[in-house]
C-alpha atoms as a PDB file:
ATOM      1  CA  MET A   1     138.651 220.279  43.750  1.00  0.00           C
ATOM      2  CA  MET A   2     137.991 221.408  47.283  1.00  0.00           C
ATOM      3  CA  LEU A   3     139.353 224.958  47.282  1.00  0.00           C
ATOM      4  CA  THR A   4     139.715 226.222  50.852  1.00  0.00           C
ATOM      5  CA  LEU A   5     140.500 229.912  51.178  1.00  0.00           C
ATOM      6  CA  THR A   6     140.382 231.942  54.353  1.00  0.00           C
ATOM      7  CA  ALA A   7     138.542 235.271  54.335  1.00  0.00           C
ATOM      8  CA  ASP A   8     141.957 236.994  54.148  1.00  0.00           C
ATOM      9  CA  ASP A   9     142.973 234.772  51.215  1.00  0.00           C
ATOM     10  CA  GLN A  10     139.793 235.664  49.337  1.00  0.00           C
ATOM     11  CA  THR A  11     140.184 239.395  50.038  1.00  0.00           C
ATOM     12  CA  TRP A  12     143.809 239.268  48.866  1.00  0.00           C
ATOM     13  CA  LEU A  13     142.871 237.254  45.755  1.00  0.00           C
ATOM     14  CA  ASP A  14     140.099 239.677  44.792  1.00  0.00           C
ATOM     15  CA  ALA A  15     142.433 242.663  45.238  1.00  0.00           C
ATOM     16  CA  TYR A  16     145.289 241.028  43.293  1.00  0.00           C
ATOM     17  CA  ARG A  17     143.032 240.096  40.372  1.00  0.00           C
ATOM     18  CA  GLN A  18     141.719 243.667  40.279  1.00  0.00           C
ATOM     19  CA  VAL A  19     145.243 245.110  40.237  1.00  0.00           C
ATOM     20  CA  LEU A  20     146.287 242.721  37.458  1.00  0.00           C
ATOM     21  CA  ARG A  21     143.282 243.697  35.342  1.00  0.00           C
ATOM     22  CA  GLU A  22     143.848 247.427  35.906  1.00  0.00           C
ATOM     23  CA  GLN A  23     147.652 247.620  35.698  1.00  0.00           C
ATOM     24  CA  PHE A  24     148.259 244.803  33.206  1.00  0.00           C
ATOM     25  CA  PRO A  25     145.228 244.721  30.904  1.00  0.00           C
ATOM     26  CA  GLY A  26     145.330 241.783  28.511  1.00  0.00           C
ATOM     27  CA  VAL A  27     148.570 240.424  29.971  1.00  0.00           C
ATOM     28  CA  VAL A  28     147.332 237.642  32.266  1.00  0.00           C
ATOM     29  CA  GLN A  29     145.969 234.502  30.633  1.00  0.00           C
ATOM     30  CA  ASP A  30     145.222 232.510  33.795  1.00  0.00           C
ATOM     31  CA  MET A  31     145.853 232.180  37.524  1.00  0.00           C
ATOM     32  CA  ILE A  32     145.784 228.734  39.065  1.00  0.00           C
ATOM     33  CA  ILE A  33     145.763 228.025  42.788  1.00  0.00           C
ATOM     34  CA  PHE A  34     147.465 224.704  43.514  1.00  0.00           C
ATOM     35  CA  GLY A  35     148.882 222.907  46.526  1.00  0.00           C
ATOM     36  CA  SER A  36     147.177 222.411  49.870  1.00  0.00           C
ATOM     37  CA  LYS A  37     144.702 225.283  49.429  1.00  0.00           C
ATOM     38  CA  ALA A  38     143.473 223.747  46.155  1.00  0.00           C
ATOM     39  CA  ARG A  39     143.330 220.225  47.592  1.00  0.00           C
ATOM     40  CA  GLY A  40     141.466 221.336  50.718  1.00  0.00           C
ATOM     41  CA  THR A  41     144.246 220.140  53.019  1.00  0.00           C
ATOM     42  CA  ALA A  42     145.618 223.542  54.071  1.00  0.00           C
ATOM     43  CA  GLY A  43     146.680 224.115  57.642  1.00  0.00           C
ATOM     44  CA  PRO A  44     146.979 227.416  59.498  1.00  0.00           C
ATOM     45  CA  ASP A  45     150.544 227.974  58.237  1.00  0.00           C
ATOM     46  CA  SER A  46     149.880 227.062  54.593  1.00  0.00           C
ATOM     47  CA  ASP A  47     150.931 229.487  51.900  1.00  0.00           C
ATOM     48  CA  LEU A  48     148.832 230.362  48.869  1.00  0.00           C
ATOM     49  CA  ASP A  49     150.511 228.692  45.873  1.00  0.00           C
ATOM     50  CA  ILE A  50     149.592 230.336  42.577  1.00  0.00           C
ATOM     51  CA  VAL A  51     150.789 229.920  39.004  1.00  0.00           C
ATOM     52  CA  VAL A  52     150.232 233.080  36.968  1.00  0.00           C
ATOM     53  CA  ILE A  53     150.310 232.549  33.210  1.00  0.00           C
ATOM     54  CA  ILE A  54     150.971 235.635  31.110  1.00  0.00           C
ATOM     55  CA  ARG A  55     150.471 235.754  27.360  1.00  0.00           C
ATOM     56  CA  GLU A  56     154.071 236.789  26.673  1.00  0.00           C
ATOM     57  CA  GLY A  57     156.893 238.739  28.256  1.00  0.00           C
ATOM     58  CA  ASP A  58     160.355 238.558  29.760  1.00  0.00           C
ATOM     59  CA  TRP A  59     161.691 238.214  33.306  1.00  0.00           C
ATOM     60  CA  ARG A  60     161.129 241.932  33.959  1.00  0.00           C
ATOM     61  CA  LEU A  61     157.413 241.661  33.237  1.00  0.00           C
ATOM     62  CA  LYS A  62     157.202 238.463  35.289  1.00  0.00           C
ATOM     63  CA  ASN A  63     158.751 240.245  38.280  1.00  0.00           C
ATOM     64  CA  THR A  64     156.551 243.300  37.794  1.00  0.00           C
ATOM     65  CA  VAL A  65     153.402 241.153  37.759  1.00  0.00           C
ATOM     66  CA  THR A  66     154.291 239.580  41.124  1.00  0.00           C
ATOM     67  CA  HIS A  67     155.116 242.792  43.011  1.00  0.00           C
ATOM     68  CA  PRO A  68     151.512 243.903  43.675  1.00  0.00           C
ATOM     69  CA  GLY A  69     150.654 240.412  44.921  1.00  0.00           C
ATOM     70  CA  TYR A  70     153.387 240.502  47.523  1.00  0.00           C
ATOM     71  CA  ASP A  71     152.674 244.146  48.397  1.00  0.00           C
ATOM     72  CA  LEU A  72     148.992 243.364  48.999  1.00  0.00           C
ATOM     73  CA  SER A  73     149.928 240.632  51.471  1.00  0.00           C
ATOM     74  CA  ILE A  74     151.782 243.010  53.798  1.00  0.00           C
ATOM     75  CA  GLY A  75     149.938 243.269  57.101  1.00  0.00           C
ATOM     76  CA  THR A  76     147.763 240.215  56.377  1.00  0.00           C
ATOM     77  CA  ASP A  77     148.003 236.527  57.228  1.00  0.00           C
ATOM     78  CA  VAL A  78     148.242 235.700  53.516  1.00  0.00           C
ATOM     79  CA  VAL A  79     151.552 234.240  52.333  1.00  0.00           C
ATOM     80  CA  PRO A  80     151.428 234.117  48.529  1.00  0.00           C
ATOM     81  CA  SER A  81     153.872 232.010  46.568  1.00  0.00           C
ATOM     82  CA  LEU A  82     153.653 233.308  42.999  1.00  0.00           C
ATOM     83  CA  ILE A  83     155.213 231.518  40.038  1.00  0.00           C
ATOM     84  CA  VAL A  84     154.900 233.244  36.659  1.00  0.00           C
ATOM     85  CA  TYR A  85     155.172 231.531  33.276  1.00  0.00           C
ATOM     86  CA  THR A  86     154.565 232.807  29.787  1.00  0.00           C
ATOM     87  CA  LEU A  87     151.992 230.838  27.833  1.00  0.00           C
ATOM     88  CA  ALA A  88     154.799 229.438  25.646  1.00  0.00           C
ATOM     89  CA  GLU A  89     156.769 228.306  28.712  1.00  0.00           C
ATOM     90  CA  TRP A  90     153.652 226.698  30.207  1.00  0.00           C
ATOM     91  CA  GLN A  91     153.039 224.826  26.943  1.00  0.00           C
ATOM     92  CA  ARG A  92     156.676 223.663  26.852  1.00  0.00           C
ATOM     93  CA  LEU A  93     156.224 222.169  30.321  1.00  0.00           C
ATOM     94  CA  ARG A  94     153.400 220.035  28.914  1.00  0.00           C
ATOM     95  CA  GLU A  95     155.572 218.930  25.989  1.00  0.00           C
ATOM     96  CA  ARG A  96     158.322 217.947  28.427  1.00  0.00           C
ATOM     97  CA  GLN A  97     155.799 216.072  30.584  1.00  0.00           C
ATOM     98  CA  SER A  98     156.710 218.172  33.603  1.00  0.00           C
ATOM     99  CA  VAL A  99     155.607 216.561  36.867  1.00  0.00           C
ATOM    100  CA  PHE A 100     155.049 220.055  38.292  1.00  0.00           C
ATOM    101  CA  ARG A 101     152.658 220.953  35.490  1.00  0.00           C
ATOM    102  CA  GLU A 102     150.851 217.625  35.862  1.00  0.00           C
ATOM    103  CA  VAL A 103     150.328 218.296  39.592  1.00  0.00           C
ATOM    104  CA  VAL A 104     149.065 221.834  38.923  1.00  0.00           C
ATOM    105  CA  GLU A 105     146.677 220.557  36.258  1.00  0.00           C
ATOM    106  CA  ARG A 106     145.452 217.720  38.489  1.00  0.00           C
ATOM    107  CA  ASP A 107     145.019 219.693  41.728  1.00  0.00           C
ATOM    108  CA  GLY A 108     144.789 223.285  40.521  1.00  0.00           C
ATOM    109  CA  VAL A 109     141.790 225.590  40.452  1.00  0.00           C
ATOM    110  CA  SER A 110     141.665 228.381  37.873  1.00  0.00           C
ATOM    111  CA  VAL A 111     140.730 231.662  39.562  1.00  0.00           C
ATOM    112  CA  TYR A 112     141.164 234.164  36.746  1.00  0.00           C
ATOM    113  CA  GLU A 113     138.596 234.691  34.067  1.00  0.00           C
ATOM    114  CA  THR A 114     140.055 236.296  31.011  1.00  0.00           C
ATOM    115  CA  VAL A 115     137.983 239.412  30.484  1.00  0.00           C
ATOM    116  CA  SER A 116     137.405 240.115  26.828  1.00  0.00           C
ATOM    117  CA  ASN A 117     136.402 243.464  25.435  1.00  0.00           C
ATOM    118  CA  PRO A 118     132.573 243.545  25.409  1.00  0.00           C
ATOM    119  CA  ASN A 119     132.469 245.965  22.455  1.00  0.00           C
END
């Protein structure tokens, strides 16, 4: 894929990943940028489409995981569009042959390395 992020996008992404690792250790399984930024076709008004996959949780945790991402975008040109799925929900989309999941898998770029405990 031809991932095209602006400097602001990259700064936001780095900060959001750091917050997720610090505030939600072990919760996030993956983050996948999809859409025009992942395809390399983004224009100046393109948002930053991201699927966040968490290991497990309910709607409250999903909402809580997105808040820092939106907060970090305040005062920047970054417009994140965050969609959160549990790992089980993401797997169900595959079983149902979801067109959305197929597009994310085809065009998406994983931007979150799961950090394991080095000890």
